[in-house]
Amino acid sequence: MHSTNIIHRDYHSGNIFSSGVTGDLGISKFGTESSDPDGNEVYGIIPYVAPEIFQGQGYTKASDVYGFGMIMWEFLTGRRPFWNRDHDVDLIIEICDGLRPSIVTNAPVGYIELMQESSLNEPGF
């Protein structure tokens, strides 16, 4: 998707199909956030939205990668990130302050490293 310069903007497990196709491209855009008239709008499910989006920085490929990291965490644990929390302003503030789901250790090291690079830290873009 990123190879065709599409930023999904709503990447979560509900939009991953078993055939490996990402769905729900309804709010996807070509290009970067600088060309986006909706740049101040926040789309998506709170745990999968990158902190910089909540801070008004706009959607980028890196923000999609953050969501992918959260999907990796969900696949690893069988639970959605912050499943035991209300998805409210308090959670948004904590995510912006660095809150991430706890790392589980029952996975291959490479998987955990990729997950950390994707969303538990800053994506390397």
N, C-alpha and C. Protein backbone atom coordinates (compact mmCIF):
# COMPACT_ATOMS: atom_id res chain seq x y z
N MET A 1 0.83 -1.18 0.00
CA MET A 1 0.00 0.00 0.00
C MET A 1 0.88 1.25 0.00
N HIS A 2 1.87 1.29 0.87
CA HIS A 2 2.75 2.46 0.91
C HIS A 2 3.58 2.59 -0.36
N SER A 3 3.84 1.46 -1.04
CA SER A 3 4.60 1.53 -2.28
C SER A 3 3.83 2.27 -3.37
N THR A 4 2.51 2.37 -3.22
CA THR A 4 1.69 3.14 -4.16
C THR A 4 1.33 4.50 -3.59
N ASN A 5 2.01 4.88 -2.50
CA ASN A 5 1.86 6.19 -1.87
C ASN A 5 0.47 6.42 -1.28
N ILE A 6 -0.13 5.35 -0.74
CA ILE A 6 -1.42 5.47 -0.05
C ILE A 6 -1.16 5.39 1.45
N ILE A 7 -1.71 6.34 2.19
CA ILE A 7 -1.68 6.32 3.65
C ILE A 7 -3.06 5.89 4.12
N HIS A 8 -3.17 4.76 4.78
CA HIS A 8 -4.47 4.17 5.13
C HIS A 8 -5.26 5.02 6.11
N ARG A 9 -4.69 5.45 7.20
CA ARG A 9 -5.26 6.33 8.20
C ARG A 9 -6.24 5.66 9.16
N ASP A 10 -6.50 4.38 9.04
CA ASP A 10 -7.41 3.69 9.95
C ASP A 10 -6.99 2.22 10.05
N TYR A 11 -5.72 2.00 10.31
CA TYR A 11 -5.16 0.66 10.31
C TYR A 11 -5.44 -0.01 11.64
N HIS A 12 -6.26 -1.05 11.64
CA HIS A 12 -6.52 -1.86 12.83
C HIS A 12 -6.89 -3.26 12.38
N SER A 13 -6.99 -4.18 13.31
CA SER A 13 -7.18 -5.59 12.96
C SER A 13 -8.49 -5.85 12.22
N GLY A 14 -9.48 -5.03 12.40
CA GLY A 14 -10.74 -5.21 11.69
C GLY A 14 -10.64 -4.92 10.20
N ASN A 15 -9.53 -4.32 9.79
CA ASN A 15 -9.33 -4.02 8.38
C ASN A 15 -8.27 -4.90 7.73
N ILE A 16 -7.91 -6.00 8.37
CA ILE A 16 -6.99 -6.97 7.80
C ILE A 16 -7.80 -8.21 7.43
N PHE A 17 -7.74 -8.59 6.17
CA PHE A 17 -8.50 -9.74 5.71
C PHE A 17 -7.58 -10.95 5.62
N SER A 18 -8.15 -12.14 5.72
CA SER A 18 -7.35 -13.36 5.77
C SER A 18 -6.52 -13.57 4.51
N SER A 19 -6.88 -12.95 3.42
CA SER A 19 -6.10 -13.09 2.19
C SER A 19 -4.90 -12.16 2.18
N GLY A 20 -4.70 -11.40 3.25
CA GLY A 20 -3.58 -10.48 3.32
C GLY A 20 -3.87 -9.14 2.68
N VAL A 21 -5.14 -8.86 2.45
CA VAL A 21 -5.55 -7.60 1.84
C VAL A 21 -6.07 -6.68 2.94
N THR A 22 -5.69 -5.42 2.89
CA THR A 22 -6.20 -4.44 3.84
C THR A 22 -7.48 -3.84 3.29
N GLY A 23 -8.52 -3.77 4.12
CA GLY A 23 -9.79 -3.24 3.67
C GLY A 23 -10.13 -1.90 4.26
N ASP A 24 -11.33 -1.44 3.97
CA ASP A 24 -11.87 -0.18 4.46
C ASP A 24 -10.96 0.98 4.10
N LEU A 25 -10.81 1.21 2.81
CA LEU A 25 -9.98 2.31 2.33
C LEU A 25 -10.77 3.60 2.19
N GLY A 26 -11.93 3.68 2.84
CA GLY A 26 -12.82 4.83 2.70
C GLY A 26 -12.23 6.17 3.07
N ILE A 27 -11.30 6.21 4.02
CA ILE A 27 -10.70 7.50 4.40
C ILE A 27 -9.23 7.57 4.00
N SER A 28 -8.78 6.61 3.21
CA SER A 28 -7.38 6.60 2.75
C SER A 28 -7.14 7.76 1.80
N LYS A 29 -5.90 8.19 1.74
CA LYS A 29 -5.53 9.32 0.88
C LYS A 29 -4.22 9.01 0.18
N PHE A 30 -4.03 9.60 -1.01
CA PHE A 30 -2.73 9.59 -1.67
C PHE A 30 -1.90 10.72 -1.12
N GLY A 31 -0.60 10.54 -1.09
CA GLY A 31 0.28 11.64 -0.73
C GLY A 31 0.58 11.72 0.74
N THR A 32 0.87 12.93 1.19
CA THR A 32 1.27 13.17 2.57
C THR A 32 0.26 14.04 3.27
N GLU A 33 0.42 14.19 4.57
CA GLU A 33 -0.51 15.00 5.35
C GLU A 33 -0.49 16.46 4.93
N SER A 34 0.61 16.93 4.34
CA SER A 34 0.68 18.34 3.97
C SER A 34 -0.30 18.69 2.85
N SER A 35 -0.72 17.69 2.07
CA SER A 35 -1.67 17.95 0.99
C SER A 35 -3.09 17.58 1.39
N ASP A 36 -3.31 17.32 2.66
CA ASP A 36 -4.58 16.80 3.14
C ASP A 36 -5.42 17.90 3.78
N PRO A 37 -6.55 18.28 3.16
CA PRO A 37 -7.39 19.31 3.78
C PRO A 37 -8.04 18.85 5.08
N ASP A 38 -8.09 17.54 5.32
CA ASP A 38 -8.65 17.00 6.56
C ASP A 38 -7.56 16.74 7.59
N GLY A 39 -6.41 17.36 7.46
CA GLY A 39 -5.26 17.07 8.30
C GLY A 39 -5.50 17.18 9.79
N ASN A 40 -6.48 17.97 10.22
CA ASN A 40 -6.74 18.13 11.65
C ASN A 40 -7.76 17.14 12.18
N GLU A 41 -8.35 16.34 11.30
CA GLU A 41 -9.33 15.35 11.72
C GLU A 41 -8.62 14.09 12.21
N VAL A 42 -9.17 13.45 13.23
CA VAL A 42 -8.63 12.19 13.73
C VAL A 42 -9.58 11.08 13.35
N TYR A 43 -9.06 10.09 12.63
CA TYR A 43 -9.84 8.94 12.20
C TYR A 43 -9.24 7.69 12.83
N GLY A 44 -10.07 6.72 13.14
CA GLY A 44 -9.54 5.45 13.59
C GLY A 44 -9.99 5.08 14.99
N ILE A 45 -9.53 3.92 15.42
CA ILE A 45 -9.83 3.38 16.74
C ILE A 45 -8.66 3.75 17.65
N ILE A 46 -8.95 4.37 18.77
CA ILE A 46 -7.94 5.02 19.62
C ILE A 46 -6.65 4.22 19.81
N PRO A 47 -6.68 2.95 20.22
CA PRO A 47 -5.41 2.27 20.48
C PRO A 47 -4.50 2.11 19.25
N TYR A 48 -5.07 2.21 18.06
CA TYR A 48 -4.30 2.01 16.83
C TYR A 48 -3.85 3.33 16.20
N VAL A 49 -4.27 4.44 16.77
CA VAL A 49 -3.92 5.76 16.23
C VAL A 49 -2.60 6.21 16.85
N ALA A 50 -1.68 6.62 16.01
CA ALA A 50 -0.36 7.06 16.48
C ALA A 50 -0.49 8.33 17.31
N PRO A 51 0.32 8.47 18.35
CA PRO A 51 0.24 9.64 19.23
C PRO A 51 0.33 10.97 18.49
N GLU A 52 1.17 11.03 17.46
CA GLU A 52 1.33 12.30 16.74
C GLU A 52 0.05 12.75 16.05
N ILE A 53 -0.84 11.81 15.75
CA ILE A 53 -2.13 12.18 15.15
C ILE A 53 -2.96 12.94 16.17
N PHE A 54 -2.99 12.44 17.41
CA PHE A 54 -3.73 13.12 18.47
C PHE A 54 -3.14 14.49 18.76
N GLN A 55 -1.87 14.67 18.46
CA GLN A 55 -1.19 15.94 18.70
C GLN A 55 -1.27 16.87 17.50
N GLY A 56 -2.07 16.49 16.49
CA GLY A 56 -2.32 17.37 15.35
C GLY A 56 -1.24 17.40 14.30
N GLN A 57 -0.36 16.40 14.27
CA GLN A 57 0.74 16.42 13.31
C GLN A 57 0.38 15.87 11.95
N GLY A 58 -0.76 15.24 11.78
CA GLY A 58 -1.19 14.74 10.48
C GLY A 58 -0.75 13.31 10.22
N TYR A 59 -1.46 12.66 9.32
CA TYR A 59 -1.21 11.27 8.98
C TYR A 59 -0.01 11.14 8.05
N THR A 60 0.79 10.11 8.30
CA THR A 60 1.94 9.78 7.46
C THR A 60 2.02 8.26 7.33
N LYS A 61 2.93 7.80 6.52
CA LYS A 61 3.16 6.35 6.45
C LYS A 61 3.60 5.82 7.81
N ALA A 62 4.37 6.61 8.55
CA ALA A 62 4.81 6.19 9.88
C ALA A 62 3.63 5.99 10.83
N SER A 63 2.58 6.80 10.69
CA SER A 63 1.41 6.61 11.55
C SER A 63 0.68 5.32 11.20
N ASP A 64 0.68 4.93 9.92
CA ASP A 64 0.15 3.62 9.54
C ASP A 64 0.99 2.50 10.15
N VAL A 65 2.31 2.67 10.15
CA VAL A 65 3.20 1.66 10.71
C VAL A 65 2.95 1.50 12.21
N TYR A 66 2.67 2.59 12.90
CA TYR A 66 2.32 2.52 14.32
C TYR A 66 1.10 1.60 14.50
N GLY A 67 0.05 1.82 13.70
CA GLY A 67 -1.13 0.98 13.78
C GLY A 67 -0.81 -0.48 13.50
N PHE A 68 0.09 -0.72 12.55
CA PHE A 68 0.50 -2.09 12.24
C PHE A 68 1.18 -2.73 13.45
N GLY A 69 1.98 -1.96 14.17
CA GLY A 69 2.62 -2.48 15.38
C GLY A 69 1.60 -2.88 16.43
N MET A 70 0.53 -2.11 16.54
CA MET A 70 -0.54 -2.46 17.48
C MET A 70 -1.27 -3.73 17.03
N ILE A 71 -1.43 -3.88 15.71
CA ILE A 71 -2.03 -5.11 15.18
C ILE A 71 -1.14 -6.30 15.53
N MET A 72 0.18 -6.13 15.39
CA MET A 72 1.11 -7.20 15.75
C MET A 72 0.94 -7.59 17.22
N TRP A 73 0.77 -6.59 18.10
CA TRP A 73 0.57 -6.86 19.52
C TRP A 73 -0.72 -7.65 19.71
N GLU A 74 -1.78 -7.26 19.01
CA GLU A 74 -3.06 -7.96 19.11
C GLU A 74 -2.93 -9.41 18.65
N PHE A 75 -2.26 -9.62 17.52
CA PHE A 75 -2.07 -10.99 17.03
C PHE A 75 -1.28 -11.83 18.02
N LEU A 76 -0.33 -11.23 18.68
CA LEU A 76 0.52 -11.94 19.63
C LEU A 76 -0.23 -12.31 20.90
N THR A 77 -1.07 -11.41 21.39
CA THR A 77 -1.74 -11.62 22.68
C THR A 77 -3.16 -12.15 22.57
N GLY A 78 -3.78 -11.98 21.40
CA GLY A 78 -5.17 -12.38 21.24
C GLY A 78 -6.15 -11.37 21.81
N ARG A 79 -5.65 -10.20 22.19
CA ARG A 79 -6.50 -9.13 22.73
C ARG A 79 -6.20 -7.83 22.02
N ARG A 80 -7.21 -6.99 21.93
CA ARG A 80 -6.98 -5.67 21.36
C ARG A 80 -6.19 -4.82 22.35
N PRO A 81 -5.34 -3.93 21.86
CA PRO A 81 -4.60 -3.07 22.78
C PRO A 81 -5.56 -2.28 23.69
N PHE A 82 -5.25 -2.23 24.94
CA PHE A 82 -6.04 -1.51 25.94
C PHE A 82 -7.48 -2.00 25.99
N TRP A 83 -7.66 -3.31 25.84
CA TRP A 83 -8.97 -3.93 25.85
C TRP A 83 -9.70 -3.71 27.17
N ASN A 84 -8.94 -3.50 28.23
CA ASN A 84 -9.52 -3.37 29.57
C ASN A 84 -9.69 -1.92 30.00
N ARG A 85 -9.62 -1.00 29.06
CA ARG A 85 -9.70 0.43 29.36
C ARG A 85 -10.82 1.07 28.55
N ASP A 86 -11.40 2.12 29.09
CA ASP A 86 -12.32 2.93 28.29
C ASP A 86 -11.51 3.64 27.22
N HIS A 87 -12.05 3.71 26.03
CA HIS A 87 -11.39 4.43 24.94
C HIS A 87 -11.89 5.86 24.98
N ASP A 88 -11.20 6.66 25.80
CA ASP A 88 -11.64 8.02 26.06
C ASP A 88 -10.47 8.99 26.04
N VAL A 89 -10.72 10.23 26.41
CA VAL A 89 -9.69 11.27 26.40
C VAL A 89 -8.54 10.91 27.34
N ASP A 90 -8.84 10.29 28.47
CA ASP A 90 -7.77 9.90 29.39
C ASP A 90 -6.80 8.92 28.73
N LEU A 91 -7.31 7.97 27.98
CA LEU A 91 -6.44 7.03 27.28
C LEU A 91 -5.62 7.75 26.21
N ILE A 92 -6.23 8.67 25.49
CA ILE A 92 -5.50 9.44 24.48
C ILE A 92 -4.34 10.20 25.12
N ILE A 93 -4.59 10.84 26.24
CA ILE A 93 -3.54 11.59 26.93
C ILE A 93 -2.41 10.66 27.34
N GLU A 94 -2.75 9.50 27.88
CA GLU A 94 -1.71 8.56 28.31
C GLU A 94 -0.91 8.02 27.13
N ILE A 95 -1.58 7.76 26.01
CA ILE A 95 -0.86 7.31 24.80
C ILE A 95 0.10 8.40 24.35
N CYS A 96 -0.35 9.64 24.35
CA CYS A 96 0.53 10.76 23.97
C CYS A 96 1.70 10.92 24.93
N ASP A 97 1.50 10.51 26.18
CA ASP A 97 2.57 10.56 27.18
C ASP A 97 3.47 9.33 27.16
N GLY A 98 3.22 8.41 26.22
CA GLY A 98 4.10 7.26 26.05
C GLY A 98 3.55 5.92 26.45
N LEU A 99 2.29 5.85 26.88
CA LEU A 99 1.71 4.56 27.26
C LEU A 99 1.63 3.64 26.04
N ARG A 100 2.11 2.41 26.21
CA ARG A 100 2.01 1.38 25.19
C ARG A 100 1.64 0.08 25.90
N PRO A 101 1.05 -0.87 25.18
CA PRO A 101 0.77 -2.16 25.80
C PRO A 101 2.07 -2.83 26.26
N SER A 102 1.96 -3.62 27.30
CA SER A 102 3.13 -4.32 27.83
C SER A 102 3.65 -5.32 26.81
N ILE A 103 4.97 -5.43 26.76
CA ILE A 103 5.61 -6.40 25.87
C ILE A 103 5.46 -7.79 26.48
N VAL A 104 5.04 -8.74 25.68
CA VAL A 104 5.00 -10.12 26.13
C VAL A 104 6.25 -10.81 25.58
N THR A 105 6.74 -11.77 26.30
CA THR A 105 8.02 -12.37 25.93
C THR A 105 7.89 -13.73 25.27
N ASN A 106 6.68 -14.20 25.04
CA ASN A 106 6.50 -15.54 24.47
C ASN A 106 6.40 -15.49 22.95
N ALA A 107 7.28 -14.73 22.32
CA ALA A 107 7.29 -14.62 20.87
C ALA A 107 8.73 -14.60 20.39
N PRO A 108 8.94 -14.90 19.12
CA PRO A 108 10.30 -14.83 18.59
C PRO A 108 10.87 -13.42 18.75
N VAL A 109 12.15 -13.34 19.02
CA VAL A 109 12.81 -12.06 19.25
C VAL A 109 12.60 -11.12 18.08
N GLY A 110 12.70 -11.62 16.85
CA GLY A 110 12.52 -10.77 15.67
C GLY A 110 11.13 -10.16 15.60
N TYR A 111 10.11 -10.92 16.00
CA TYR A 111 8.74 -10.41 16.01
C TYR A 111 8.61 -9.27 17.01
N ILE A 112 9.15 -9.49 18.21
CA ILE A 112 9.08 -8.47 19.25
C ILE A 112 9.83 -7.21 18.82
N GLU A 113 11.00 -7.39 18.22
CA GLU A 113 11.78 -6.22 17.76
C GLU A 113 11.02 -5.43 16.70
N LEU A 114 10.40 -6.13 15.74
CA LEU A 114 9.63 -5.45 14.71
C LEU A 114 8.44 -4.72 15.31
N MET A 115 7.76 -5.36 16.25
CA MET A 115 6.63 -4.73 16.92
C MET A 115 7.07 -3.47 17.66
N GLN A 116 8.19 -3.55 18.35
CA GLN A 116 8.70 -2.38 19.07
C GLN A 116 9.08 -1.26 18.11
N GLU A 117 9.73 -1.60 17.02
CA GLU A 117 10.11 -0.58 16.04
C GLU A 117 8.88 0.06 15.41
N SER A 118 7.80 -0.69 15.30
CA SER A 118 6.60 -0.19 14.64
C SER A 118 5.80 0.76 15.51
N SER A 119 5.52 0.36 16.75
CA SER A 119 4.61 1.19 17.52
C SER A 119 4.97 1.40 18.97
N LEU A 120 5.75 0.54 19.52
CA LEU A 120 6.04 0.72 20.93
C LEU A 120 7.11 1.78 21.13
N ASN A 121 7.77 2.14 20.06
CA ASN A 121 8.71 3.26 20.03
C ASN A 121 8.36 4.09 18.80
N GLU A 122 9.24 4.96 18.39
CA GLU A 122 8.99 5.75 17.19
C GLU A 122 9.37 4.94 15.96
N PRO A 123 8.49 4.86 14.96
CA PRO A 123 8.85 4.15 13.73
C PRO A 123 10.08 4.80 13.08
N GLY A 124 10.93 3.98 12.52
CA GLY A 124 12.17 4.49 11.94
C GLY A 124 12.01 4.99 10.52
N PHE A 125 11.25 6.04 10.32
CA PHE A 125 11.06 6.62 8.99
C PHE A 125 11.64 8.00 8.94
